[in-house]
Protein backbone atom coordinates (compact mmCIF):
# COMPACT_ATOMS: atom_id res chain seq x y z
CA MET A 1 -36.31 -20.99 -28.69
CA PHE A 2 -39.91 -22.15 -28.63
CA ILE A 3 -42.71 -21.85 -26.15
CA LYS A 4 -44.97 -24.78 -25.32
CA GLN A 5 -48.35 -24.68 -23.62
CA ASN A 6 -47.75 -23.62 -20.01
CA THR A 7 -49.89 -25.75 -17.70
CA LEU A 8 -48.84 -23.87 -14.56
CA PHE A 9 -50.00 -20.43 -15.67
CA ASN A 10 -52.73 -21.54 -18.12
CA LEU A 11 -52.15 -18.54 -20.36
CA MET A 12 -54.61 -19.69 -23.03
CA GLU A 13 -57.63 -19.16 -20.76
CA ARG A 14 -57.37 -15.36 -20.90
CA ASP A 15 -58.78 -13.17 -23.66
CA TYR A 16 -55.88 -10.74 -24.00
CA GLY A 17 -57.51 -8.75 -26.77
CA LYS A 18 -60.52 -7.86 -24.62
CA GLU A 19 -58.36 -7.13 -21.58
CA ILE A 20 -56.12 -4.78 -23.54
CA ALA A 21 -59.12 -3.09 -25.18
CA LYS A 22 -60.74 -2.42 -21.80
CA ALA A 23 -57.49 -1.13 -20.31
CA GLY A 24 -56.75 1.01 -23.36
CA LEU A 25 -60.16 2.68 -23.31
CA GLU A 26 -59.94 3.27 -19.54
CA ILE A 27 -56.56 5.02 -19.65
CA ASN A 28 -57.17 6.79 -23.00
CA ALA A 29 -54.51 4.81 -24.82
CA ILE A 30 -57.28 4.22 -27.36
CA LYS A 31 -59.75 6.94 -28.26
CA LEU A 32 -62.78 6.59 -30.54
CA ARG A 33 -64.24 9.85 -31.81
CA PRO A 34 -66.28 9.41 -35.01
CA ASP A 35 -68.09 12.73 -34.50
CA ASN A 36 -64.87 14.75 -34.25
CA PRO A 37 -62.13 12.73 -35.95
CA PHE A 38 -58.41 13.01 -35.33
CA ILE A 39 -55.92 14.22 -37.93
CA TRP A 40 -53.37 11.48 -38.60
CA ALA A 41 -49.82 12.23 -39.77
CA SER A 42 -50.99 11.48 -43.31
CA GLY A 43 -53.51 14.34 -43.09
CA PHE A 44 -56.50 11.99 -43.24
CA ARG A 45 -59.26 12.54 -40.67
CA MET A 46 -59.72 9.29 -38.76
CA PRO A 47 -62.21 8.41 -35.96
CA ILE A 48 -59.66 6.49 -33.88
CA TYR A 49 -56.36 7.31 -32.22
CA ASN A 50 -54.10 4.76 -30.61
CA ASP A 51 -51.20 5.57 -28.27
CA ASN A 52 -49.82 2.35 -26.81
CA ARG A 53 -47.14 4.29 -24.95
CA MET A 54 -49.84 4.99 -22.36
CA PHE A 55 -49.50 1.37 -21.25
CA LEU A 56 -45.98 2.13 -20.00
CA GLY A 57 -47.33 3.92 -16.94
CA ASP A 58 -48.57 0.78 -15.18
CA SER A 59 -46.50 -2.37 -14.62
CA ARG A 60 -49.68 -4.46 -14.73
CA HIS A 61 -50.36 -3.28 -18.28
CA ARG A 62 -46.79 -3.97 -19.35
CA ARG A 63 -47.04 -7.47 -17.95
CA LEU A 64 -50.47 -8.00 -19.54
CA ILE A 65 -48.99 -7.28 -22.97
CA ALA A 66 -45.93 -9.46 -22.34
CA ASP A 67 -48.15 -12.35 -21.20
CA GLY A 68 -50.27 -11.87 -24.30
CA PHE A 69 -47.21 -12.11 -26.54
CA ASN A 70 -46.12 -15.24 -24.69
CA ASP A 71 -49.56 -16.66 -25.43
CA LEU A 72 -49.18 -15.88 -29.14
CA MET A 73 -46.03 -17.97 -29.23
CA ASN A 74 -48.01 -21.13 -28.55
CA SER A 75 -49.16 -23.34 -31.37
CA THR A 76 -52.24 -22.09 -33.20
CA LYS A 77 -54.99 -24.00 -34.93
CA GLU A 78 -54.04 -22.32 -38.20
CA SER A 79 -50.32 -23.17 -38.28
CA ASN A 80 -50.19 -26.01 -35.72
CA ARG A 81 -46.56 -25.19 -35.00
CA ASP A 82 -44.49 -23.28 -32.51
CA ILE A 83 -42.63 -20.05 -33.19
CA TYR A 84 -38.87 -20.45 -32.99
CA PHE A 85 -36.58 -17.50 -32.37
CA SER A 86 -33.23 -16.59 -30.83
CA ILE A 87 -33.59 -12.81 -30.56
CA ILE A 88 -36.43 -10.40 -29.82
CA ALA A 89 -36.44 -7.12 -31.77
CA GLY A 90 -38.46 -3.99 -31.08
CA THR A 91 -39.31 -1.28 -33.58
CA SER A 92 -38.08 2.21 -32.75
CA THR A 93 -39.47 3.77 -30.73
CA ALA A 94 -42.83 2.43 -29.53
CA GLY A 95 -41.90 -1.24 -29.93
CA ILE A 96 -38.81 -1.01 -27.73
CA SER A 97 -40.54 -1.15 -24.34
CA PRO A 98 -42.86 -4.12 -25.02
CA ALA A 99 -39.98 -5.98 -26.65
CA THR A 100 -37.80 -5.36 -23.61
CA THR A 101 -40.49 -6.49 -21.16
CA LEU A 102 -41.10 -9.62 -23.22
CA ALA A 103 -37.38 -10.41 -23.43
CA ASP A 104 -37.16 -10.22 -19.63
CA THR A 105 -40.20 -12.35 -18.76
CA TYR A 106 -40.02 -15.73 -17.05
CA LEU A 107 -40.92 -17.65 -20.21
CA VAL A 108 -38.45 -15.95 -22.56
CA THR A 109 -35.31 -14.19 -21.19
CA LYS A 110 -33.68 -13.74 -24.61
CA PRO A 111 -31.33 -11.20 -26.22
CA MET A 112 -33.03 -8.03 -27.42
CA ILE A 113 -32.28 -5.52 -30.17
CA TYR A 114 -34.17 -2.64 -31.71
CA VAL A 115 -34.59 -1.46 -35.28
CA ARG A 116 -34.52 2.19 -36.35
CA ASP A 117 -36.74 3.41 -39.17
CA LYS A 118 -33.54 4.29 -41.06
CA PRO A 119 -29.80 4.19 -40.34
CA LYS A 120 -28.31 6.99 -38.28
CA ASP A 121 -26.57 9.68 -40.32
CA HIS A 122 -23.63 9.91 -37.91
CA GLY A 123 -21.26 7.77 -35.86
CA LEU A 124 -21.41 4.10 -36.85
CA LYS A 125 -24.62 4.69 -38.85
CA ASN A 126 -26.42 1.79 -37.20
CA GLN A 127 -29.96 0.88 -38.12
CA ILE A 128 -30.07 -2.06 -35.72
CA GLU A 129 -29.02 -1.31 -32.15
CA GLY A 130 -27.80 -4.09 -29.89
CA ILE A 131 -25.28 -5.67 -32.26
CA ASP A 132 -21.85 -4.44 -33.24
CA ALA A 133 -21.88 -2.25 -36.34
CA GLU A 134 -19.22 -4.45 -37.93
CA SER A 135 -21.15 -7.71 -37.39
CA ASP A 136 -24.59 -9.03 -38.32
CA LEU A 137 -27.30 -11.33 -36.96
CA GLU A 138 -25.50 -14.46 -38.16
CA GLY A 139 -28.56 -16.16 -39.55
CA LYS A 140 -30.40 -16.16 -36.22
CA ARG A 141 -34.18 -16.16 -36.05
CA VAL A 142 -35.69 -12.88 -34.88
CA LEU A 143 -39.17 -12.15 -33.53
CA LEU A 144 -40.17 -8.56 -34.30
CA ILE A 145 -42.35 -6.67 -31.81
CA GLU A 146 -44.40 -3.71 -33.05
CA ASP A 147 -46.81 -1.61 -31.05
CA LEU A 148 -49.25 -0.80 -33.86
CA ILE A 149 -49.82 -1.91 -37.44
CA SER A 150 -51.79 0.38 -39.73
CA THR A 151 -50.77 0.28 -43.40
CA GLY A 152 -47.75 -1.88 -42.51
CA GLY A 153 -45.03 -0.03 -44.40
CA SER A 154 -42.81 0.91 -41.46
CA SER A 155 -43.14 -2.55 -39.91
CA ALA A 156 -42.20 -4.23 -43.18
CA ARG A 157 -39.15 -1.97 -43.45
CA ALA A 158 -38.06 -3.22 -40.03
CA VAL A 159 -38.51 -6.81 -41.20
CA GLN A 160 -36.38 -6.06 -44.24
CA ALA A 161 -33.69 -4.36 -42.12
CA ILE A 162 -33.41 -7.53 -40.02
CA ARG A 163 -33.16 -9.65 -43.15
CA ASP A 164 -30.57 -7.32 -44.64
CA ALA A 165 -28.52 -7.84 -41.47
CA ASN A 166 -28.52 -11.60 -42.10
CA GLY A 167 -31.36 -12.32 -39.69
CA VAL A 168 -34.36 -14.56 -40.30
CA CYS A 169 -37.60 -12.73 -39.57
CA GLU A 170 -40.79 -14.63 -40.32
CA HIS A 171 -43.03 -13.31 -37.54
CA CYS A 172 -44.12 -9.87 -36.37
CA PHE A 173 -46.23 -9.46 -33.22
CA SER A 174 -48.14 -6.25 -32.51
CA ILE A 175 -50.23 -4.93 -29.64
CA PHE A 176 -52.90 -3.53 -31.98
CA ASN A 177 -53.75 -4.04 -35.62
CA TYR A 178 -56.27 -2.02 -37.65
CA GLY A 179 -56.61 -4.94 -40.06
CA PHE A 180 -56.14 -2.92 -43.25
CA ASP A 181 -56.01 -5.00 -46.43
CA LYS A 182 -53.00 -2.98 -47.55
CA ALA A 183 -50.97 -4.20 -44.58
CA SER A 184 -51.90 -7.79 -45.31
CA ARG A 185 -50.69 -7.47 -48.89
CA ILE A 186 -47.45 -5.80 -47.82
CA PHE A 187 -46.58 -8.53 -45.32
CA LYS A 188 -47.34 -11.18 -47.92
CA GLY A 189 -44.91 -9.48 -50.31
CA GLU A 190 -47.68 -8.66 -52.77
CA GLU A 191 -47.40 -4.86 -52.46
CA ASP A 192 -44.59 -2.31 -52.12
CA TYR A 193 -43.75 -1.28 -48.58
CA ASP A 194 -42.12 2.00 -49.63
CA LYS A 195 -42.16 4.56 -52.43
CA LYS A 196 -39.06 3.02 -54.00
CA GLY A 197 -41.02 -0.05 -55.03
CA ASN A 198 -39.44 -2.45 -52.54
CA LYS A 199 -41.34 -5.56 -51.50
CA LEU A 200 -40.69 -8.34 -49.02
CA GLU A 201 -39.25 -11.28 -50.96
CA SER A 202 -40.89 -13.79 -48.61
CA PRO A 203 -43.95 -13.37 -46.36
CA CYS A 204 -43.84 -12.34 -42.72
CA GLU A 205 -46.68 -13.64 -40.57
CA VAL A 206 -48.40 -11.05 -38.37
CA LYS A 207 -50.07 -11.87 -35.06
CA SER A 208 -51.78 -9.17 -33.00
CA LEU A 209 -53.13 -9.11 -29.46
CA LEU A 210 -55.95 -6.67 -30.23
CA THR A 211 -57.83 -6.31 -33.50
CA TYR A 212 -60.16 -3.54 -34.58
CA ASP A 213 -63.23 -5.78 -34.51
CA THR A 214 -62.51 -6.86 -30.93
CA LEU A 215 -62.01 -3.23 -29.94
CA LEU A 216 -65.40 -2.22 -31.37
CA GLY A 217 -67.09 -5.08 -29.57
CA VAL A 218 -65.60 -4.08 -26.22
CA ALA A 219 -66.33 -0.38 -26.79
CA LYS A 220 -69.99 -1.16 -27.49
CA GLU A 221 -70.26 -3.63 -24.62
CA THR A 222 -68.88 -1.13 -22.11
CA GLY A 223 -71.02 1.76 -23.37
CA TYR A 224 -68.05 3.73 -24.66
CA ILE A 225 -69.85 4.17 -28.00
CA ASN A 226 -73.50 3.95 -29.07
CA ASP A 227 -75.05 1.97 -31.93
CA GLN A 228 -74.82 4.87 -34.39
CA GLN A 229 -71.14 5.33 -33.62
CA VAL A 230 -70.55 1.60 -33.99
CA GLU A 231 -72.04 1.84 -37.48
CA MET A 232 -69.83 4.80 -38.40
CA LEU A 233 -66.72 3.07 -37.09
CA ALA A 234 -67.54 -0.14 -38.98
CA GLU A 235 -67.98 1.95 -42.11
CA TRP A 236 -64.55 3.53 -41.54
CA ARG A 237 -62.96 0.09 -41.31
CA ALA A 238 -64.39 -0.77 -44.73
CA ASP A 239 -63.05 2.42 -46.37
CA PRO A 240 -60.61 4.18 -44.01
CA PHE A 241 -59.16 6.61 -46.54
CA GLY A 242 -62.47 7.60 -48.10
CA TRP A 243 -64.48 7.76 -44.89
CA GLY A 244 -63.53 11.30 -43.84
CA GLU A 245 -64.40 12.95 -47.16
CA LYS A 246 -67.73 11.12 -47.22
CA HIS A 247 -68.67 12.42 -43.78
CA GLY A 248 -67.55 15.99 -44.28
CA PHE A 249 -64.02 15.63 -42.88
CA PRO A 250 -61.71 16.20 -45.86
CA LYS A 251 -58.01 15.40 -45.79
CA VAL A 252 -55.83 18.12 -44.31
CA GLU A 253 -52.95 19.10 -46.56
CA ARG A 254 -49.74 19.08 -44.53
């Protein structure tokens, strides 16, 4: 399956990153709070919190994201090639809904599966849902849909699970991407994606609808944050795991 430029809908004319940033800030799917940071699951105090599940509440937002993913499938200046795939996969749980919407859109209509973070400990012990436990992906090409990429470890594990099930996974699309260097190295196979020392044997290309830099630009443009907050948030992007300690927000032991 590949998607060519669609002359009827002219998808390339829209700036999906900016549209998603504006919608996310409006409905509180994205919150920026450098003066009172959030506590992430890791215990680090971070000035941003992203909850893409908030987009589920409005069909227009679901369609916006699906249209954006369709747009990403078109040839890019960097690769100058189309993205081929037979199956769409969502990560469990937040990637399931956008993957389903994408699989059902007018430009795609493809089979859909989802990937658990780890195999179930009961029943058929599936890690990939949507295929029979006694079969595999038969060498088919799979496009992985993720809602959010931070350090990239969980997303890379999903890529590896697809590959372990005899699927070809060379592309991962996400709604939002913090742009951490660590994630880039993990997807290139240069760094371990888990504590066991596992790495991807071949790279997986990541494409994201909304990047952190675009988000900051929209937040400043709309008056969501002031110049001082922009500076603090840019500083966080440069050193996300040292930022809290530097500003008096030490890591919370969990």
